[in-house]
Amino acid sequence: MLNLNIPSTIGGCFSTNMLLYGFGALAGFVVINKLLRDARPFLVSTTKEVIAFQQWLTGNLEEGKEFWEDVFSEARHLYRLEVEKKLEVLQKQQELLQRIKERL
């Protein structure tokens, strides 16, 4: 097809492939920049919706966080009450056993 003799380096410093990659990246940047300018209204409205969604999500996460903090607090309180009741029962059993030992 094309019989091009492209040297492997340019000036002995730059790799030809790297130079071509650089030109390709620059051309891609120019094309993307042009496309983004044409799509500015769409990008602005999309960004606005992303911000609204982020605020909605943050609000819901805060409500959920408060809910779970309340649940854990209530569960911790009930657990402590249960442990205290068990300790009372154990103390009463120990007192009863002590009385039985004294009678023997």
PDB file of N, CA and C in Angstrom:
ATOM      1  N   MET A   1       0.822  -1.189   0.000  1.00  0.00           N
ATOM      2  CA  MET A   1       0.000   0.000   0.000  1.00  0.00           C
ATOM      3  C   MET A   1       0.868   1.255   0.000  1.00  0.00           C
ATOM      4  N   LEU A   2       1.051   1.806   1.168  1.00  0.00           N
ATOM      5  CA  LEU A   2       1.898   2.992   1.256  1.00  0.00           C
ATOM      6  C   LEU A   2       3.291   2.572   1.697  1.00  0.00           C
ATOM      7  N   ASN A   3       4.234   2.804   0.843  1.00  0.00           N
ATOM      8  CA  ASN A   3       5.615   2.484   1.196  1.00  0.00           C
ATOM      9  C   ASN A   3       6.295   3.749   1.681  1.00  0.00           C
ATOM     10  N   LEU A   4       6.025   4.071   2.949  1.00  0.00           N
ATOM     11  CA  LEU A   4       6.639   5.255   3.534  1.00  0.00           C
ATOM     12  C   LEU A   4       7.818   4.825   4.385  1.00  0.00           C
ATOM     13  N   ASN A   5       8.916   5.480   4.189  1.00  0.00           N
ATOM     14  CA  ASN A   5      10.091   5.225   5.019  1.00  0.00           C
ATOM     15  C   ASN A   5      10.131   6.278   6.113  1.00  0.00           C
ATOM     16  N   ILE A   6       9.550   5.926   7.254  1.00  0.00           N
ATOM     17  CA  ILE A   6       9.531   6.851   8.380  1.00  0.00           C
ATOM     18  C   ILE A   6      10.631   6.419   9.337  1.00  0.00           C
ATOM     19  N   PRO A   7      11.525   7.326   9.668  1.00  0.00           N
ATOM     20  CA  PRO A   7      12.600   6.947  10.591  1.00  0.00           C
ATOM     21  C   PRO A   7      12.035   6.639  11.978  1.00  0.00           C
ATOM     22  N   SER A   8      12.753   5.810  12.723  1.00  0.00           N
ATOM     23  CA  SER A   8      12.268   5.412  14.047  1.00  0.00           C
ATOM     24  C   SER A   8      12.398   6.540  15.059  1.00  0.00           C
ATOM     25  N   THR A   9      13.299   7.479  14.815  1.00  0.00           N
ATOM     26  CA  THR A   9      13.424   8.644  15.698  1.00  0.00           C
ATOM     27  C   THR A   9      13.512   9.896  14.860  1.00  0.00           C
ATOM     28  N   ILE A  10      13.158  10.996  15.478  1.00  0.00           N
ATOM     29  CA  ILE A  10      13.256  12.287  14.799  1.00  0.00           C
ATOM     30  C   ILE A  10      14.350  13.067  15.514  1.00  0.00           C
ATOM     31  N   GLY A  11      15.386  13.377  14.808  1.00  0.00           N
ATOM     32  CA  GLY A  11      16.513  14.097  15.395  1.00  0.00           C
ATOM     33  C   GLY A  11      17.271  13.279  16.415  1.00  0.00           C
ATOM     34  N   GLY A  12      17.043  11.981  16.446  1.00  0.00           N
ATOM     35  CA  GLY A  12      17.735  11.131  17.398  1.00  0.00           C
ATOM     36  C   GLY A  12      17.214  11.253  18.814  1.00  0.00           C
ATOM     37  N   CYS A  13      16.177  12.066  19.020  1.00  0.00           N
ATOM     38  CA  CYS A  13      15.662  12.302  20.379  1.00  0.00           C
ATOM     39  C   CYS A  13      14.261  11.744  20.573  1.00  0.00           C
ATOM     40  N   PHE A  14      13.393  12.097  19.660  1.00  0.00           N
ATOM     41  CA  PHE A  14      11.980  11.760  19.822  1.00  0.00           C
ATOM     42  C   PHE A  14      11.629  10.521  19.014  1.00  0.00           C
ATOM     43  N   SER A  15      10.926   9.607  19.637  1.00  0.00           N
ATOM     44  CA  SER A  15      10.446   8.430  18.933  1.00  0.00           C
ATOM     45  C   SER A  15       9.348   8.870  17.975  1.00  0.00           C
ATOM     46  N   THR A  16       9.357   8.333  16.778  1.00  0.00           N
ATOM     47  CA  THR A  16       8.338   8.688  15.790  1.00  0.00           C
ATOM     48  C   THR A  16       6.952   8.303  16.290  1.00  0.00           C
ATOM     49  N   ASN A  17       6.842   7.144  16.889  1.00  0.00           N
ATOM     50  CA  ASN A  17       5.543   6.718  17.414  1.00  0.00           C
ATOM     51  C   ASN A  17       5.032   7.689  18.476  1.00  0.00           C
ATOM     52  N   MET A  18       5.924   8.118  19.363  1.00  0.00           N
ATOM     53  CA  MET A  18       5.510   9.046  20.416  1.00  0.00           C
ATOM     54  C   MET A  18       5.074  10.381  19.821  1.00  0.00           C
ATOM     55  N   LEU A  19       5.768  10.825  18.789  1.00  0.00           N
ATOM     56  CA  LEU A  19       5.397  12.072  18.134  1.00  0.00           C
ATOM     57  C   LEU A  19       4.021  11.936  17.481  1.00  0.00           C
ATOM     58  N   LEU A  20       3.777  10.803  16.840  1.00  0.00           N
ATOM     59  CA  LEU A  20       2.467  10.579  16.224  1.00  0.00           C
ATOM     60  C   LEU A  20       1.372  10.486  17.286  1.00  0.00           C
ATOM     61  N   TYR A  21       1.673   9.836  18.413  1.00  0.00           N
ATOM     62  CA  TYR A  21       0.698   9.782  19.517  1.00  0.00           C
ATOM     63  C   TYR A  21       0.392  11.188  20.020  1.00  0.00           C
ATOM     64  N   GLY A  22       1.403  12.003  20.114  1.00  0.00           N
ATOM     65  CA  GLY A  22       1.212  13.381  20.570  1.00  0.00           C
ATOM     66  C   GLY A  22       0.328  14.169  19.618  1.00  0.00           C
ATOM     67  N   PHE A  23       0.590  14.046  18.310  1.00  0.00           N
ATOM     68  CA  PHE A  23      -0.255  14.730  17.327  1.00  0.00           C
ATOM     69  C   PHE A  23      -1.691  14.213  17.387  1.00  0.00           C
ATOM     70  N   GLY A  24      -1.849  12.907  17.558  1.00  0.00           N
ATOM     71  CA  GLY A  24      -3.198  12.331  17.672  1.00  0.00           C
ATOM     72  C   GLY A  24      -3.923  12.846  18.902  1.00  0.00           C
ATOM     73  N   ALA A  25      -3.218  12.939  20.006  1.00  0.00           N
ATOM     74  CA  ALA A  25      -3.829  13.451  21.234  1.00  0.00           C
ATOM     75  C   ALA A  25      -4.212  14.912  21.072  1.00  0.00           C
ATOM     76  N   LEU A  26      -3.352  15.690  20.441  1.00  0.00           N
ATOM     77  CA  LEU A  26      -3.648  17.101  20.212  1.00  0.00           C
ATOM     78  C   LEU A  26      -4.866  17.258  19.304  1.00  0.00           C
ATOM     79  N   ALA A  27      -4.929  16.477  18.235  1.00  0.00           N
ATOM     80  CA  ALA A  27      -6.084  16.536  17.331  1.00  0.00           C
ATOM     81  C   ALA A  27      -7.350  16.111  18.064  1.00  0.00           C
ATOM     82  N   GLY A  28      -7.248  15.061  18.875  1.00  0.00           N
ATOM     83  CA  GLY A  28      -8.407  14.625  19.657  1.00  0.00           C
ATOM     84  C   GLY A  28      -8.864  15.701  20.621  1.00  0.00           C
ATOM     85  N   PHE A  29      -7.914  16.381  21.248  1.00  0.00           N
ATOM     86  CA  PHE A  29      -8.254  17.458  22.174  1.00  0.00           C
ATOM     87  C   PHE A  29      -8.992  18.579  21.459  1.00  0.00           C
ATOM     88  N   VAL A  30      -8.526  18.959  20.268  1.00  0.00           N
ATOM     89  CA  VAL A  30      -9.172  20.027  19.497  1.00  0.00           C
ATOM     90  C   VAL A  30     -10.591  19.623  19.115  1.00  0.00           C
ATOM     91  N   VAL A  31     -10.769  18.389  18.654  1.00  0.00           N
ATOM     92  CA  VAL A  31     -12.100  17.914  18.251  1.00  0.00           C
ATOM     93  C   VAL A  31     -13.036  17.859  19.452  1.00  0.00           C
ATOM     94  N   ILE A  32     -12.549  17.313  20.567  1.00  0.00           N
ATOM     95  CA  ILE A  32     -13.390  17.219  21.768  1.00  0.00           C
ATOM     96  C   ILE A  32     -13.762  18.606  22.267  1.00  0.00           C
ATOM     97  N   ASN A  33     -12.809  19.544  22.220  1.00  0.00           N
ATOM     98  CA  ASN A  33     -13.085  20.907  22.657  1.00  0.00           C
ATOM     99  C   ASN A  33     -14.188  21.532  21.805  1.00  0.00           C
ATOM    100  N   LYS A  34     -14.145  21.312  20.510  1.00  0.00           N
ATOM    101  CA  LYS A  34     -15.173  21.847  19.604  1.00  0.00           C
ATOM    102  C   LYS A  34     -16.530  21.214  19.913  1.00  0.00           C
ATOM    103  N   LEU A  35     -16.543  19.896  20.116  1.00  0.00           N
ATOM    104  CA  LEU A  35     -17.800  19.209  20.421  1.00  0.00           C
ATOM    105  C   LEU A  35     -18.373  19.674  21.754  1.00  0.00           C
ATOM    106  N   LEU A  36     -17.507  19.893  22.733  1.00  0.00           N
ATOM    107  CA  LEU A  36     -17.978  20.337  24.045  1.00  0.00           C
ATOM    108  C   LEU A  36     -18.562  21.743  23.983  1.00  0.00           C
ATOM    109  N   ARG A  37     -17.978  22.606  23.159  1.00  0.00           N
ATOM    110  CA  ARG A  37     -18.539  23.960  23.018  1.00  0.00           C
ATOM    111  C   ARG A  37     -19.938  23.902  22.416  1.00  0.00           C
ATOM    112  N   ASP A  38     -20.127  23.019  21.448  1.00  0.00           N
ATOM    113  CA  ASP A  38     -21.443  22.884  20.824  1.00  0.00           C
ATOM    114  C   ASP A  38     -22.452  22.284  21.797  1.00  0.00           C
ATOM    115  N   ALA A  39     -21.985  21.476  22.726  1.00  0.00           N
ATOM    116  CA  ALA A  39     -22.876  20.789  23.661  1.00  0.00           C
ATOM    117  C   ALA A  39     -23.001  21.525  24.992  1.00  0.00           C
ATOM    118  N   ARG A  40     -22.566  22.769  25.081  1.00  0.00           N
ATOM    119  CA  ARG A  40     -22.561  23.504  26.350  1.00  0.00           C
ATOM    120  C   ARG A  40     -23.931  23.561  27.019  1.00  0.00           C
ATOM    121  N   PRO A  41     -25.024  23.902  26.321  1.00  0.00           N
ATOM    122  CA  PRO A  41     -26.327  23.938  27.008  1.00  0.00           C
ATOM    123  C   PRO A  41     -26.703  22.587  27.622  1.00  0.00           C
ATOM    124  N   PHE A  42     -26.435  21.524  26.892  1.00  0.00           N
ATOM    125  CA  PHE A  42     -26.714  20.187  27.420  1.00  0.00           C
ATOM    126  C   PHE A  42     -25.866  19.904  28.652  1.00  0.00           C
ATOM    127  N   LEU A  43     -24.588  20.248  28.598  1.00  0.00           N
ATOM    128  CA  LEU A  43     -23.695  20.007  29.732  1.00  0.00           C
ATOM    129  C   LEU A  43     -24.105  20.816  30.954  1.00  0.00           C
ATOM    130  N   VAL A  44     -24.544  22.059  30.739  1.00  0.00           N
ATOM    131  CA  VAL A  44     -24.986  22.895  31.860  1.00  0.00           C
ATOM    132  C   VAL A  44     -26.221  22.293  32.510  1.00  0.00           C
ATOM    133  N   SER A  45     -27.208  21.897  31.714  1.00  0.00           N
ATOM    134  CA  SER A  45     -28.430  21.326  32.291  1.00  0.00           C
ATOM    135  C   SER A  45     -28.142  19.987  32.969  1.00  0.00           C
ATOM    136  N   THR A  46     -27.265  19.193  32.394  1.00  0.00           N
ATOM    137  CA  THR A  46     -26.903  17.917  33.012  1.00  0.00           C
ATOM    138  C   THR A  46     -26.190  18.145  34.339  1.00  0.00           C
ATOM    139  N   THR A  47     -25.281  19.096  34.374  1.00  0.00           N
ATOM    140  CA  THR A  47     -24.566  19.413  35.612  1.00  0.00           C
ATOM    141  C   THR A  47     -25.527  19.914  36.675  1.00  0.00           C
ATOM    142  N   LYS A  48     -26.506  20.713  36.263  1.00  0.00           N
ATOM    143  CA  LYS A  48     -27.511  21.210  37.204  1.00  0.00           C
ATOM    144  C   LYS A  48     -28.286  20.044  37.812  1.00  0.00           C
ATOM    145  N   GLU A  49     -28.658  19.079  37.001  1.00  0.00           N
ATOM    146  CA  GLU A  49     -29.390  17.914  37.500  1.00  0.00           C
ATOM    147  C   GLU A  49     -28.517  17.055  38.420  1.00  0.00           C
ATOM    148  N   VAL A  50     -27.246  16.949  38.101  1.00  0.00           N
ATOM    149  CA  VAL A  50     -26.327  16.191  38.964  1.00  0.00           C
ATOM    150  C   VAL A  50     -26.224  16.860  40.329  1.00  0.00           C
ATOM    151  N   ILE A  51     -26.144  18.183  40.349  1.00  0.00           N
ATOM    152  CA  ILE A  51     -26.083  18.911  41.619  1.00  0.00           C
ATOM    153  C   ILE A  51     -27.363  18.697  42.413  1.00  0.00           C
ATOM    154  N   ALA A  52     -28.519  18.769  41.748  1.00  0.00           N
ATOM    155  CA  ALA A  52     -29.793  18.548  42.436  1.00  0.00           C
ATOM    156  C   ALA A  52     -29.861  17.133  42.998  1.00  0.00           C
ATOM    157  N   PHE A  53     -29.431  16.156  42.227  1.00  0.00           N
ATOM    158  CA  PHE A  53     -29.431  14.766  42.698  1.00  0.00           C
ATOM    159  C   PHE A  53     -28.499  14.598  43.887  1.00  0.00           C
ATOM    160  N   GLN A  54     -27.335  15.233  43.819  1.00  0.00           N
ATOM    161  CA  GLN A  54     -26.372  15.142  44.918  1.00  0.00           C
ATOM    162  C   GLN A  54     -26.968  15.711  46.205  1.00  0.00           C
ATOM    163  N   GLN A  55     -27.648  16.849  46.113  1.00  0.00           N
ATOM    164  CA  GLN A  55     -28.260  17.441  47.303  1.00  0.00           C
ATOM    165  C   GLN A  55     -29.382  16.558  47.834  1.00  0.00           C
ATOM    166  N   TRP A  56     -30.187  15.988  46.933  1.00  0.00           N
ATOM    167  CA  TRP A  56     -31.262  15.087  47.357  1.00  0.00           C
ATOM    168  C   TRP A  56     -30.683  13.864  48.064  1.00  0.00           C
ATOM    169  N   LEU A  57     -29.646  13.295  47.471  1.00  0.00           N
ATOM    170  CA  LEU A  57     -29.021  12.107  48.044  1.00  0.00           C
ATOM    171  C   LEU A  57     -28.400  12.413  49.404  1.00  0.00           C
ATOM    172  N   THR A  58     -27.742  13.552  49.518  1.00  0.00           N
ATOM    173  CA  THR A  58     -27.136  13.943  50.792  1.00  0.00           C
ATOM    174  C   THR A  58     -28.202  14.091  51.865  1.00  0.00           C
ATOM    175  N   GLY A  59     -29.328  14.721  51.521  1.00  0.00           N
ATOM    176  CA  GLY A  59     -30.425  14.872  52.475  1.00  0.00           C
ATOM    177  C   GLY A  59     -30.980  13.534  52.919  1.00  0.00           C
ATOM    178  N   ASN A  60     -31.186  12.634  51.976  1.00  0.00           N
ATOM    179  CA  ASN A  60     -31.713  11.311  52.324  1.00  0.00           C
ATOM    180  C   ASN A  60     -30.725  10.512  53.160  1.00  0.00           C
ATOM    181  N   LEU A  61     -29.447  10.635  52.855  1.00  0.00           N
ATOM    182  CA  LEU A  61     -28.442   9.925  53.641  1.00  0.00           C
ATOM    183  C   LEU A  61     -28.399  10.458  55.067  1.00  0.00           C
ATOM    184  N   GLU A  62     -28.570  11.764  55.229  1.00  0.00           N
ATOM    185  CA  GLU A  62     -28.590  12.346  56.575  1.00  0.00           C
ATOM    186  C   GLU A  62     -29.787  11.825  57.363  1.00  0.00           C
ATOM    187  N   GLU A  63     -30.953  11.774  56.709  1.00  0.00           N
ATOM    188  CA  GLU A  63     -32.143  11.246  57.382  1.00  0.00           C
ATOM    189  C   GLU A  63     -31.938   9.779  57.758  1.00  0.00           C
ATOM    190  N   GLY A  64     -31.379   9.017  56.856  1.00  0.00           N
ATOM    191  CA  GLY A  64     -31.116   7.609  57.130  1.00  0.00           C
ATOM    192  C   GLY A  64     -30.113   7.441  58.254  1.00  0.00           C
ATOM    193  N   LYS A  65     -29.105   8.294  58.265  1.00  0.00           N
ATOM    194  CA  LYS A  65     -28.092   8.226  59.314  1.00  0.00           C
ATOM    195  C   LYS A  65     -28.722   8.506  60.674  1.00  0.00           C
ATOM    196  N   GLU A  66     -29.573   9.539  60.754  1.00  0.00           N
ATOM    197  CA  GLU A  66     -30.250   9.856  62.013  1.00  0.00           C
ATOM    198  C   GLU A  66     -31.141   8.694  62.452  1.00  0.00           C
ATOM    199  N   PHE A  67     -31.860   8.100  61.498  1.00  0.00           N
ATOM    200  CA  PHE A  67     -32.735   6.973  61.818  1.00  0.00           C
ATOM    201  C   PHE A  67     -31.939   5.832  62.431  1.00  0.00           C
ATOM    202  N   TRP A  68     -30.821   5.448  61.792  1.00  0.00           N
ATOM    203  CA  TRP A  68     -30.030   4.323  62.284  1.00  0.00           C
ATOM    204  C   TRP A  68     -29.329   4.646  63.594  1.00  0.00           C
ATOM    205  N   GLU A  69     -28.962   5.912  63.786  1.00  0.00           N
ATOM    206  CA  GLU A  69     -28.390   6.292  65.080  1.00  0.00           C
ATOM    207  C   GLU A  69     -29.420   6.107  66.182  1.00  0.00           C
ATOM    208  N   ASP A  70     -30.676   6.491  65.911  1.00  0.00           N
ATOM    209  CA  ASP A  70     -31.749   6.302  66.895  1.00  0.00           C
ATOM    210  C   ASP A  70     -31.983   4.819  67.170  1.00  0.00           C
ATOM    211  N   VAL A  71     -31.995   4.014  66.117  1.00  0.00           N
ATOM    212  CA  VAL A  71     -32.214   2.574  66.281  1.00  0.00           C
ATOM    213  C   VAL A  71     -31.105   1.970  67.141  1.00  0.00           C
ATOM    214  N   PHE A  72     -29.854   2.296  66.840  1.00  0.00           N
ATOM    215  CA  PHE A  72     -28.738   1.745  67.618  1.00  0.00           C
ATOM    216  C   PHE A  72     -28.769   2.226  69.062  1.00  0.00           C
ATOM    217  N   SER A  73     -29.129   3.479  69.249  1.00  0.00           N
ATOM    218  CA  SER A  73     -29.203   4.013  70.607  1.00  0.00           C
ATOM    219  C   SER A  73     -30.268   3.279  71.414  1.00  0.00           C
ATOM    220  N   GLU A  74     -31.430   3.080  70.815  1.00  0.00           N
ATOM    221  CA  GLU A  74     -32.510   2.366  71.500  1.00  0.00           C
ATOM    222  C   GLU A  74     -32.117   0.913  71.775  1.00  0.00           C
ATOM    223  N   ALA A  75     -31.507   0.269  70.806  1.00  0.00           N
ATOM    224  CA  ALA A  75     -31.084  -1.125  70.987  1.00  0.00           C
ATOM    225  C   ALA A  75     -30.023  -1.229  72.087  1.00  0.00           C
ATOM    226  N   ARG A  76     -29.094  -0.290  72.118  1.00  0.00           N
ATOM    227  CA  ARG A  76     -28.054  -0.288  73.149  1.00  0.00           C
ATOM    228  C   ARG A  76     -28.681  -0.125  74.533  1.00  0.00           C
ATOM    229  N   HIS A  77     -29.661   0.771  74.641  1.00  0.00           N
ATOM    230  CA  HIS A  77     -30.348   1.000  75.917  1.00  0.00           C
ATOM    231  C   HIS A  77     -31.081  -0.269  76.372  1.00  0.00           C
ATOM    232  N   LEU A  78     -31.812  -0.905  75.459  1.00  0.00           N
ATOM    233  CA  LEU A  78     -32.532  -2.132  75.807  1.00  0.00           C
ATOM    234  C   LEU A  78     -31.564  -3.251  76.188  1.00  0.00           C
ATOM    235  N   TYR A  79     -30.448  -3.324  75.507  1.00  0.00           N
ATOM    236  CA  TYR A  79     -29.440  -4.343  75.831  1.00  0.00           C
ATOM    237  C   TYR A  79     -28.893  -4.122  77.242  1.00  0.00           C
ATOM    238  N   ARG A  80     -28.609  -2.882  77.581  1.00  0.00           N
ATOM    239  CA  ARG A  80     -28.100  -2.584  78.925  1.00  0.00           C
ATOM    240  C   ARG A  80     -29.127  -2.936  79.994  1.00  0.00           C
ATOM    241  N   LEU A  81     -30.405  -2.636  79.732  1.00  0.00           N
ATOM    242  CA  LEU A  81     -31.455  -3.002  80.689  1.00  0.00           C
ATOM    243  C   LEU A  81     -31.510  -4.518  80.871  1.00  0.00           C
ATOM    244  N   GLU A  82     -31.404  -5.238  79.766  1.00  0.00           N
ATOM    245  CA  GLU A  82     -31.435  -6.704  79.819  1.00  0.00           C
ATOM    246  C   GLU A  82     -30.250  -7.248  80.615  1.00  0.00           C
ATOM    247  N   VAL A  83     -29.084  -6.686  80.406  1.00  0.00           N
ATOM    248  CA  VAL A  83     -27.897  -7.124  81.143  1.00  0.00           C
ATOM    249  C   VAL A  83     -28.065  -6.832  82.631  1.00  0.00           C
ATOM    250  N   GLU A  84     -28.613  -5.669  82.951  1.00  0.00           N
ATOM    251  CA  GLU A  84     -28.832  -5.329  84.360  1.00  0.00           C
ATOM    252  C   GLU A  84     -29.804  -6.303  85.016  1.00  0.00           C
ATOM    253  N   LYS A  85     -30.870  -6.666  84.299  1.00  0.00           N
ATOM    254  CA  LYS A  85     -31.830  -7.632  84.842  1.00  0.00           C
ATOM    255  C   LYS A  85     -31.161  -8.983  85.065  1.00  0.00           C
ATOM    256  N   LYS A  86     -30.345  -9.410  84.123  1.00  0.00           N
ATOM    257  CA  LYS A  86     -29.642 -10.686  84.278  1.00  0.00           C
ATOM    258  C   LYS A  86     -28.697 -10.639  85.475  1.00  0.00           C
ATOM    259  N   LEU A  87     -28.029  -9.505  85.667  1.00  0.00           N
ATOM    260  CA  LEU A  87     -27.141  -9.366  86.817  1.00  0.00           C
ATOM    261  C   LEU A  87     -27.920  -9.437  88.128  1.00  0.00           C
ATOM    262  N   GLU A  88     -29.091  -8.812  88.148  1.00  0.00           N
ATOM    263  CA  GLU A  88     -29.925  -8.871  89.349  1.00  0.00           C
ATOM    264  C   GLU A  88     -30.334 -10.308  89.649  1.00  0.00           C
ATOM    265  N   VAL A  89     -30.739 -11.036  88.618  1.00  0.00           N
ATOM    266  CA  VAL A  89     -31.136 -12.435  88.805  1.00  0.00           C
ATOM    267  C   VAL A  89     -29.947 -13.243  89.318  1.00  0.00           C
ATOM    268  N   LEU A  90     -28.772 -13.035  88.742  1.00  0.00           N
ATOM    269  CA  LEU A  90     -27.583 -13.758  89.193  1.00  0.00           C
ATOM    270  C   LEU A  90     -27.234 -13.416  90.641  1.00  0.00           C
ATOM    271  N   GLN A  91     -27.381 -12.154  91.002  1.00  0.00           N
ATOM    272  CA  GLN A  91     -27.094 -11.755  92.381  1.00  0.00           C
ATOM    273  C   GLN A  91     -28.081 -12.403  93.350  1.00  0.00           C
ATOM    274  N   LYS A  92     -29.352 -12.434  92.958  1.00  0.00           N
ATOM    275  CA  LYS A  92     -30.359 -13.071  93.812  1.00  0.00           C
ATOM    276  C   LYS A  92     -30.082 -14.567  93.948  1.00  0.00           C
ATOM    277  N   GLN A  93     -29.692 -15.201  92.853  1.00  0.00           N
ATOM    278  CA  GLN A  93     -29.356 -16.622  92.913  1.00  0.00           C
ATOM    279  C   GLN A  93     -28.145 -16.849  93.817  1.00  0.00           C
ATOM    280  N   GLN A  94     -27.165 -15.973  93.713  1.00  0.00           N
ATOM    281  CA  GLN A  94     -25.974 -16.104  94.543  1.00  0.00           C
ATOM    282  C   GLN A  94     -26.325 -15.917  96.023  1.00  0.00           C
ATOM    283  N   GLU A  95     -27.183 -14.946  96.314  1.00  0.00           N
ATOM    284  CA  GLU A  95     -27.621 -14.735  97.696  1.00  0.00           C
ATOM    285  C   GLU A  95     -28.377 -15.954  98.212  1.00  0.00           C
ATOM    286  N   LEU A  96     -29.234 -16.503  97.382  1.00  0.00           N
ATOM    287  CA  LEU A  96     -30.000 -17.686  97.765  1.00  0.00           C
ATOM    288  C   LEU A  96     -29.067 -18.868  98.037  1.00  0.00           C
ATOM    289  N   LEU A  97     -28.087 -19.066  97.168  1.00  0.00           N
ATOM    290  CA  LEU A  97     -27.114 -20.137  97.381  1.00  0.00           C
ATOM    291  C   LEU A  97     -26.308 -19.903  98.660  1.00  0.00           C
ATOM    292  N   GLN A  98     -25.969 -18.670  98.930  1.00  0.00           N
ATOM    293  CA  GLN A  98     -25.230 -18.342 100.145  1.00  0.00           C
ATOM    294  C   GLN A  98     -26.062 -18.678 101.381  1.00  0.00           C
ATOM    295  N   ARG A  99     -27.358 -18.369 101.347  1.00  0.00           N
ATOM    296  CA  ARG A  99     -28.251 -18.677 102.471  1.00  0.00           C
ATOM    297  C   ARG A  99     -28.357 -20.187 102.668  1.00  0.00           C
ATOM    298  N   ILE A 100     -28.452 -20.896 101.536  1.00  0.00           N
ATOM    299  CA  ILE A 100     -28.554 -22.359 101.631  1.00  0.00           C
ATOM    300  C   ILE A 100     -27.275 -22.924 102.237  1.00  0.00           C
ATOM    301  N   LYS A 101     -26.122 -22.413 101.838  1.00  0.00           N
ATOM    302  CA  LYS A 101     -24.847 -22.879 102.395  1.00  0.00           C
ATOM    303  C   LYS A 101     -24.770 -22.595 103.894  1.00  0.00           C
ATOM    304  N   GLU A 102     -25.276 -21.451 104.303  1.00  0.00           N
ATOM    305  CA  GLU A 102     -25.237 -21.086 105.720  1.00  0.00           C
ATOM    306  C   GLU A 102     -26.115 -22.019 106.552  1.00  0.00           C
ATOM    307  N   ARG A 103     -27.224 -22.450 105.998  1.00  0.00           N
ATOM    308  CA  ARG A 103     -28.136 -23.338 106.724  1.00  0.00           C
ATOM    309  C   ARG A 103     -27.575 -24.750 106.829  1.00  0.00           C
ATOM    310  N   LEU A 104     -26.725 -25.101 105.919  1.00  0.00           N
ATOM    311  CA  LEU A 104     -26.148 -26.449 105.960  1.00  0.00           C
ATOM    312  C   LEU A 104     -25.031 -26.447 106.910  1.00  0.00           C
TER     313      LEU A 104
END
